[in-house]
N, C-alpha and C. Protein backbone atom coordinates (compact mmCIF):
# COMPACT_ATOMS: atom_id res chain seq x y z
N UNK A 1 -151.92 -40.22 12.31
CA UNK A 1 -151.18 -40.58 11.16
C UNK A 1 -151.19 -39.31 10.18
N UNK A 2 -150.03 -38.91 9.82
CA UNK A 2 -149.89 -37.89 8.85
C UNK A 2 -149.03 -38.21 7.72
N UNK A 3 -149.56 -38.37 6.50
CA UNK A 3 -148.88 -38.49 5.30
C UNK A 3 -149.62 -38.01 4.18
N UNK A 4 -149.18 -38.08 2.96
CA UNK A 4 -149.70 -37.45 1.81
C UNK A 4 -151.16 -38.03 1.56
N UNK A 5 -151.45 -39.29 1.84
CA UNK A 5 -152.72 -39.84 1.64
C UNK A 5 -153.81 -39.31 2.62
N UNK A 6 -153.43 -39.26 3.88
CA UNK A 6 -154.31 -38.80 4.87
C UNK A 6 -154.46 -37.29 4.67
N UNK A 7 -153.47 -36.55 4.15
CA UNK A 7 -153.66 -35.20 3.91
C UNK A 7 -154.59 -34.99 2.73
N UNK A 8 -154.56 -35.76 1.70
CA UNK A 8 -155.51 -35.64 0.60
C UNK A 8 -156.99 -35.76 1.11
N UNK A 9 -157.18 -36.85 2.05
CA UNK A 9 -158.53 -37.18 2.53
C UNK A 9 -158.94 -35.82 3.34
N UNK A 10 -157.97 -35.30 4.18
CA UNK A 10 -158.39 -34.30 5.14
C UNK A 10 -158.73 -33.04 4.26
N UNK A 11 -157.99 -32.70 3.24
CA UNK A 11 -158.26 -31.61 2.44
C UNK A 11 -159.58 -31.73 1.75
N UNK A 12 -159.93 -32.99 1.24
CA UNK A 12 -161.18 -33.27 0.62
C UNK A 12 -162.33 -33.04 1.56
N UNK A 13 -162.19 -33.53 2.94
CA UNK A 13 -163.30 -33.46 3.86
C UNK A 13 -163.36 -31.99 4.27
N UNK A 14 -162.26 -31.23 4.42
CA UNK A 14 -162.33 -29.84 4.80
C UNK A 14 -163.12 -29.01 3.71
N UNK A 15 -162.96 -29.38 2.49
CA UNK A 15 -163.65 -28.61 1.35
C UNK A 15 -165.11 -29.09 1.24
N UNK A 16 -165.41 -30.34 1.30
CA UNK A 16 -166.77 -30.79 0.87
C UNK A 16 -167.62 -31.23 2.04
N UNK A 17 -167.03 -31.45 3.24
CA UNK A 17 -167.79 -31.89 4.32
C UNK A 17 -167.20 -31.32 5.61
N UNK A 18 -167.14 -29.96 5.67
CA UNK A 18 -166.31 -29.43 6.86
C UNK A 18 -166.91 -29.56 8.26
N UNK A 19 -168.22 -30.01 8.37
CA UNK A 19 -168.80 -30.16 9.68
C UNK A 19 -168.73 -31.62 10.15
N UNK A 20 -168.26 -32.53 9.21
CA UNK A 20 -168.21 -33.93 9.54
C UNK A 20 -167.48 -34.28 10.86
N UNK A 21 -166.30 -33.62 11.07
CA UNK A 21 -165.46 -33.89 12.23
C UNK A 21 -166.04 -33.36 13.47
N UNK A 22 -166.95 -32.43 13.36
CA UNK A 22 -167.57 -31.81 14.55
C UNK A 22 -168.70 -32.68 15.03
N UNK A 23 -169.26 -33.52 14.17
CA UNK A 23 -170.39 -34.33 14.59
C UNK A 23 -170.08 -35.91 14.82
N UNK A 24 -168.85 -36.27 14.18
CA UNK A 24 -168.45 -37.61 14.24
C UNK A 24 -166.95 -37.74 14.57
N UNK A 25 -166.59 -38.90 14.99
CA UNK A 25 -165.11 -39.14 15.30
C UNK A 25 -164.46 -39.69 13.97
N UNK A 26 -163.57 -38.87 13.52
CA UNK A 26 -162.84 -39.21 12.24
C UNK A 26 -161.37 -39.62 12.62
N UNK A 27 -160.95 -40.81 11.99
CA UNK A 27 -159.60 -41.16 12.26
C UNK A 27 -159.05 -41.91 10.99
N UNK A 28 -157.69 -42.01 10.98
CA UNK A 28 -157.08 -42.61 9.75
C UNK A 28 -156.17 -43.73 10.12
N UNK A 29 -156.19 -44.81 9.38
CA UNK A 29 -155.34 -45.93 9.53
C UNK A 29 -154.81 -46.51 8.23
N UNK A 30 -153.61 -47.17 8.40
CA UNK A 30 -153.08 -47.81 7.17
C UNK A 30 -153.93 -48.97 6.79
N UNK A 31 -154.10 -48.96 5.46
CA UNK A 31 -154.89 -50.03 4.82
C UNK A 31 -154.17 -50.55 3.51
N UNK A 32 -153.51 -51.59 3.51
CA UNK A 32 -152.80 -52.18 2.37
C UNK A 32 -152.09 -51.16 1.62
N UNK A 33 -151.20 -50.42 2.39
CA UNK A 33 -150.32 -49.39 1.80
C UNK A 33 -151.01 -48.13 1.30
N UNK A 34 -152.32 -48.07 1.69
CA UNK A 34 -152.98 -46.83 1.45
C UNK A 34 -153.48 -46.30 2.83
N UNK A 35 -154.26 -45.23 2.94
CA UNK A 35 -154.88 -44.79 4.11
C UNK A 35 -156.42 -44.88 4.11
N UNK A 36 -156.97 -45.36 5.09
CA UNK A 36 -158.50 -45.41 5.20
C UNK A 36 -158.90 -44.43 6.29
N UNK A 37 -159.99 -43.72 5.77
CA UNK A 37 -160.62 -42.72 6.78
C UNK A 37 -161.85 -43.46 7.36
N UNK A 38 -161.98 -43.37 8.71
CA UNK A 38 -162.96 -43.98 9.44
C UNK A 38 -163.79 -42.90 10.06
N UNK A 39 -165.19 -43.20 10.06
CA UNK A 39 -166.11 -42.23 10.75
C UNK A 39 -166.77 -43.22 11.81
N UNK A 40 -166.72 -42.75 13.01
CA UNK A 40 -167.22 -43.60 14.20
C UNK A 40 -166.79 -45.03 14.11
N UNK A 41 -165.57 -45.38 13.66
CA UNK A 41 -165.00 -46.67 13.77
C UNK A 41 -165.27 -47.40 12.44
N UNK A 42 -165.99 -46.83 11.34
CA UNK A 42 -166.25 -47.58 10.21
C UNK A 42 -165.54 -46.96 8.95
N UNK A 43 -164.88 -47.75 8.23
CA UNK A 43 -164.12 -47.16 7.07
C UNK A 43 -165.18 -46.70 6.02
N UNK A 44 -164.91 -45.46 5.44
CA UNK A 44 -165.87 -44.79 4.56
C UNK A 44 -165.06 -44.30 3.31
N UNK A 45 -163.79 -44.03 3.41
CA UNK A 45 -162.92 -43.49 2.33
C UNK A 45 -161.60 -44.11 2.42
N UNK A 46 -160.95 -44.13 1.19
CA UNK A 46 -159.63 -44.71 1.18
C UNK A 46 -158.91 -43.84 0.12
N UNK A 47 -157.56 -43.76 0.35
CA UNK A 47 -156.71 -42.97 -0.54
C UNK A 47 -155.38 -43.64 -0.67
N UNK A 48 -154.98 -43.78 -1.89
CA UNK A 48 -153.71 -44.44 -2.22
C UNK A 48 -153.25 -44.09 -3.47
N UNK A 49 -152.40 -44.93 -4.15
CA UNK A 49 -151.88 -44.72 -5.57
C UNK A 49 -153.02 -44.67 -6.57
N UNK A 50 -154.13 -45.38 -6.27
CA UNK A 50 -155.24 -45.50 -7.04
C UNK A 50 -156.07 -44.25 -7.14
N UNK A 51 -155.87 -43.28 -6.16
CA UNK A 51 -156.66 -42.03 -6.06
C UNK A 51 -157.39 -42.09 -4.77
N UNK A 52 -158.82 -41.58 -4.80
CA UNK A 52 -159.60 -41.62 -3.79
C UNK A 52 -160.86 -42.44 -4.02
N UNK A 53 -161.13 -43.25 -2.98
CA UNK A 53 -162.34 -44.26 -3.22
C UNK A 53 -163.22 -44.11 -2.03
N UNK A 54 -164.56 -44.17 -2.33
CA UNK A 54 -165.57 -44.12 -1.28
C UNK A 54 -166.28 -45.36 -1.27
N UNK A 55 -166.80 -45.68 0.03
CA UNK A 55 -167.64 -46.86 0.24
C UNK A 55 -169.03 -46.25 0.06
N UNK A 56 -169.79 -46.92 -0.86
CA UNK A 56 -171.17 -46.45 -1.20
C UNK A 56 -172.14 -47.61 -1.39
N UNK A 57 -173.46 -47.29 -1.18
CA UNK A 57 -174.53 -48.27 -1.38
C UNK A 57 -174.52 -48.68 -2.82
N UNK A 58 -175.00 -49.86 -3.10
CA UNK A 58 -175.17 -50.39 -4.44
C UNK A 58 -175.80 -49.57 -5.50
N UNK A 59 -176.88 -48.84 -5.10
CA UNK A 59 -177.57 -47.95 -6.07
C UNK A 59 -176.77 -46.80 -6.50
N UNK A 60 -175.96 -46.17 -5.60
CA UNK A 60 -174.99 -45.08 -5.96
C UNK A 60 -173.87 -45.56 -6.81
N UNK A 61 -173.32 -46.76 -6.42
CA UNK A 61 -172.24 -47.29 -7.19
C UNK A 61 -172.61 -47.59 -8.61
N UNK A 62 -173.86 -48.11 -8.79
CA UNK A 62 -174.30 -48.41 -10.26
C UNK A 62 -174.29 -47.18 -11.04
N UNK A 63 -174.78 -46.11 -10.59
CA UNK A 63 -174.84 -44.80 -11.40
C UNK A 63 -173.47 -44.34 -11.55
N UNK A 64 -172.59 -44.43 -10.57
CA UNK A 64 -171.10 -43.93 -10.73
C UNK A 64 -170.53 -44.78 -11.80
N UNK A 65 -170.64 -46.09 -11.79
CA UNK A 65 -169.90 -46.95 -12.69
C UNK A 65 -170.49 -46.83 -14.09
N UNK A 66 -171.83 -46.75 -14.27
CA UNK A 66 -172.38 -46.66 -15.56
C UNK A 66 -172.40 -45.25 -16.29
N UNK A 67 -172.49 -44.25 -15.48
CA UNK A 67 -172.66 -42.86 -16.09
C UNK A 67 -171.61 -41.88 -15.74
N UNK A 68 -170.74 -42.17 -14.78
CA UNK A 68 -169.84 -41.08 -14.40
C UNK A 68 -168.38 -41.42 -14.41
N UNK A 69 -168.00 -42.64 -14.94
CA UNK A 69 -166.63 -43.04 -15.21
C UNK A 69 -165.93 -43.45 -14.01
N UNK A 70 -166.49 -43.78 -12.90
CA UNK A 70 -165.77 -44.34 -11.78
C UNK A 70 -165.30 -45.70 -12.09
N UNK A 71 -164.35 -46.23 -11.34
CA UNK A 71 -163.90 -47.61 -11.48
C UNK A 71 -163.83 -48.32 -10.11
N UNK A 72 -163.83 -49.54 -10.16
CA UNK A 72 -163.81 -50.35 -8.98
C UNK A 72 -162.35 -50.31 -8.30
N UNK A 73 -162.44 -50.34 -6.93
CA UNK A 73 -161.20 -50.32 -6.10
C UNK A 73 -160.50 -51.62 -6.08
N UNK A 74 -159.19 -51.58 -6.38
CA UNK A 74 -158.28 -52.66 -6.06
C UNK A 74 -157.05 -52.15 -5.42
N UNK A 75 -156.63 -52.60 -4.20
CA UNK A 75 -155.41 -52.01 -3.54
C UNK A 75 -154.23 -52.42 -4.25
N UNK A 76 -154.29 -53.62 -4.98
CA UNK A 76 -153.22 -54.08 -5.80
C UNK A 76 -153.56 -54.47 -7.16
N UNK A 77 -152.65 -54.26 -8.15
CA UNK A 77 -153.09 -54.50 -9.63
C UNK A 77 -153.86 -55.83 -9.89
N UNK A 78 -153.49 -56.83 -9.29
CA UNK A 78 -154.18 -58.09 -9.44
C UNK A 78 -154.92 -58.57 -8.21
N UNK A 79 -155.15 -57.65 -7.35
CA UNK A 79 -155.87 -57.91 -6.04
C UNK A 79 -157.30 -58.07 -6.11
N UNK A 80 -157.88 -58.37 -5.07
CA UNK A 80 -159.34 -58.59 -4.85
C UNK A 80 -160.02 -57.16 -5.12
N UNK A 81 -161.10 -57.25 -5.88
CA UNK A 81 -161.98 -56.06 -6.11
C UNK A 81 -162.83 -55.73 -4.77
N UNK A 82 -162.71 -54.54 -4.37
CA UNK A 82 -163.53 -54.12 -3.16
C UNK A 82 -164.92 -53.76 -3.71
N UNK A 83 -165.88 -54.60 -3.52
CA UNK A 83 -167.21 -54.50 -4.18
C UNK A 83 -168.01 -53.20 -3.73
N UNK A 84 -167.76 -52.71 -2.53
CA UNK A 84 -168.62 -51.59 -2.06
C UNK A 84 -167.87 -50.23 -2.33
N UNK A 85 -166.83 -50.22 -3.10
CA UNK A 85 -166.13 -48.98 -3.30
C UNK A 85 -165.97 -48.61 -4.74
N UNK A 86 -165.94 -47.24 -4.98
CA UNK A 86 -165.67 -46.62 -6.28
C UNK A 86 -164.57 -45.64 -6.14
N UNK A 87 -163.68 -45.85 -7.00
CA UNK A 87 -162.63 -44.81 -7.15
C UNK A 87 -163.16 -43.68 -7.95
N UNK A 88 -163.20 -42.53 -7.23
CA UNK A 88 -163.95 -41.32 -7.85
C UNK A 88 -163.07 -40.60 -8.81
N UNK A 89 -163.53 -40.33 -10.12
CA UNK A 89 -162.84 -39.65 -11.07
C UNK A 89 -162.44 -38.27 -10.62
N UNK A 90 -161.35 -37.73 -11.21
CA UNK A 90 -160.88 -36.35 -10.86
C UNK A 90 -161.79 -35.32 -11.07
N UNK A 91 -162.61 -35.45 -12.19
CA UNK A 91 -163.49 -34.31 -12.47
C UNK A 91 -164.67 -34.22 -11.38
N UNK A 92 -165.00 -35.31 -10.84
CA UNK A 92 -165.93 -35.23 -9.71
C UNK A 92 -165.31 -34.72 -8.44
N UNK A 93 -164.14 -35.14 -8.26
CA UNK A 93 -163.35 -34.62 -7.05
C UNK A 93 -163.25 -33.10 -6.95
N UNK A 94 -163.25 -32.54 -8.19
CA UNK A 94 -163.11 -31.11 -8.39
C UNK A 94 -164.45 -30.22 -8.09
N UNK A 95 -165.49 -30.98 -7.98
CA UNK A 95 -166.83 -30.44 -7.70
C UNK A 95 -167.24 -30.65 -6.31
N UNK A 96 -167.02 -29.59 -5.43
CA UNK A 96 -167.32 -29.70 -4.03
C UNK A 96 -168.60 -30.09 -3.66
N UNK A 97 -169.71 -29.68 -4.43
CA UNK A 97 -171.10 -30.16 -4.00
C UNK A 97 -171.31 -31.49 -4.30
N UNK A 98 -170.68 -32.06 -5.47
CA UNK A 98 -171.00 -33.46 -5.80
C UNK A 98 -170.10 -34.36 -4.90
N UNK A 99 -168.94 -34.00 -4.58
CA UNK A 99 -168.18 -34.73 -3.59
C UNK A 99 -168.93 -34.77 -2.22
N UNK A 100 -169.37 -33.60 -1.88
CA UNK A 100 -170.11 -33.43 -0.55
C UNK A 100 -171.35 -34.39 -0.57
N UNK A 101 -172.08 -34.50 -1.69
CA UNK A 101 -173.24 -35.36 -1.75
C UNK A 101 -172.76 -36.95 -1.55
N UNK A 102 -171.72 -37.13 -2.31
CA UNK A 102 -171.12 -38.56 -2.28
C UNK A 102 -170.65 -38.87 -0.89
N UNK A 103 -170.01 -37.94 -0.27
CA UNK A 103 -169.53 -38.25 1.16
C UNK A 103 -170.73 -38.40 2.19
N UNK A 104 -171.61 -37.61 1.93
CA UNK A 104 -172.88 -37.76 2.70
C UNK A 104 -173.58 -39.18 2.47
N UNK A 105 -173.62 -39.58 1.31
CA UNK A 105 -174.05 -40.96 0.93
C UNK A 105 -173.32 -41.99 1.57
N UNK A 106 -171.96 -41.88 1.59
CA UNK A 106 -170.99 -42.89 2.11
C UNK A 106 -171.13 -42.96 3.59
N UNK A 107 -171.18 -41.67 4.34
CA UNK A 107 -171.28 -41.74 5.87
C UNK A 107 -172.59 -42.33 6.18
N UNK A 108 -173.72 -41.86 5.53
CA UNK A 108 -175.02 -42.56 5.92
C UNK A 108 -174.99 -44.09 5.71
N UNK A 109 -174.36 -44.49 4.64
CA UNK A 109 -174.39 -45.93 4.27
C UNK A 109 -173.54 -46.71 5.39
N UNK A 110 -172.36 -46.24 5.70
CA UNK A 110 -171.56 -47.06 6.74
C UNK A 110 -172.12 -46.87 8.09
N UNK A 111 -172.72 -45.77 8.42
CA UNK A 111 -173.34 -45.70 9.75
C UNK A 111 -174.70 -46.54 9.80
N UNK A 112 -175.34 -46.69 8.81
CA UNK A 112 -176.54 -47.47 8.77
C UNK A 112 -176.15 -48.98 8.89
N UNK A 113 -175.07 -49.31 8.25
CA UNK A 113 -174.46 -50.64 8.19
C UNK A 113 -174.11 -51.05 9.73
N UNK A 114 -173.54 -50.01 10.38
CA UNK A 114 -173.15 -50.19 11.72
C UNK A 114 -174.32 -50.41 12.76
N UNK A 115 -175.39 -49.51 12.46
CA UNK A 115 -176.67 -49.68 13.26
C UNK A 115 -177.32 -51.06 13.03
N UNK A 116 -177.28 -51.54 11.82
CA UNK A 116 -177.82 -52.88 11.49
C UNK A 116 -177.10 -53.87 12.22
N UNK A 117 -175.72 -53.80 12.15
CA UNK A 117 -174.96 -54.82 12.83
C UNK A 117 -175.10 -54.88 14.34
N UNK A 118 -175.28 -53.67 14.99
CA UNK A 118 -175.53 -53.62 16.41
C UNK A 118 -176.96 -54.24 16.68
N UNK A 119 -177.91 -53.86 15.94
CA UNK A 119 -179.30 -54.45 16.11
C UNK A 119 -179.23 -55.93 15.98
N UNK A 120 -178.57 -56.46 15.01
CA UNK A 120 -178.52 -57.93 14.86
C UNK A 120 -177.92 -58.63 16.04
N UNK A 121 -176.95 -58.15 16.66
CA UNK A 121 -176.30 -58.67 17.84
C UNK A 121 -177.25 -58.67 19.01
N UNK A 122 -178.22 -57.71 18.99
CA UNK A 122 -179.30 -57.55 19.91
C UNK A 122 -178.95 -57.66 21.34
């Protein structure tokens, strides 16, 4: 899938996490009119008219919402709030090292969630 949203995600990953695609399977899918980026089959990033959002653990989300001006993700103006996601402010997106740190947090979180789900199925 190639469009402006997947292009924005790809450019961000190339800048802030260039080795991610070498160590994990990265793919893109349509998600409610936006594009979701998946790492090893788990969604971790989304891009749409709202900007770029990352799926993050609760402790990281808390800091982003309280101290760094992030906002909660809604795919539609009156739609459901995606509780595990933060729309990342533009000033953070311009800081490659901070975005890289957040991308690492996101990937670790979704892969840990996957590991936990597999272990529970036992």
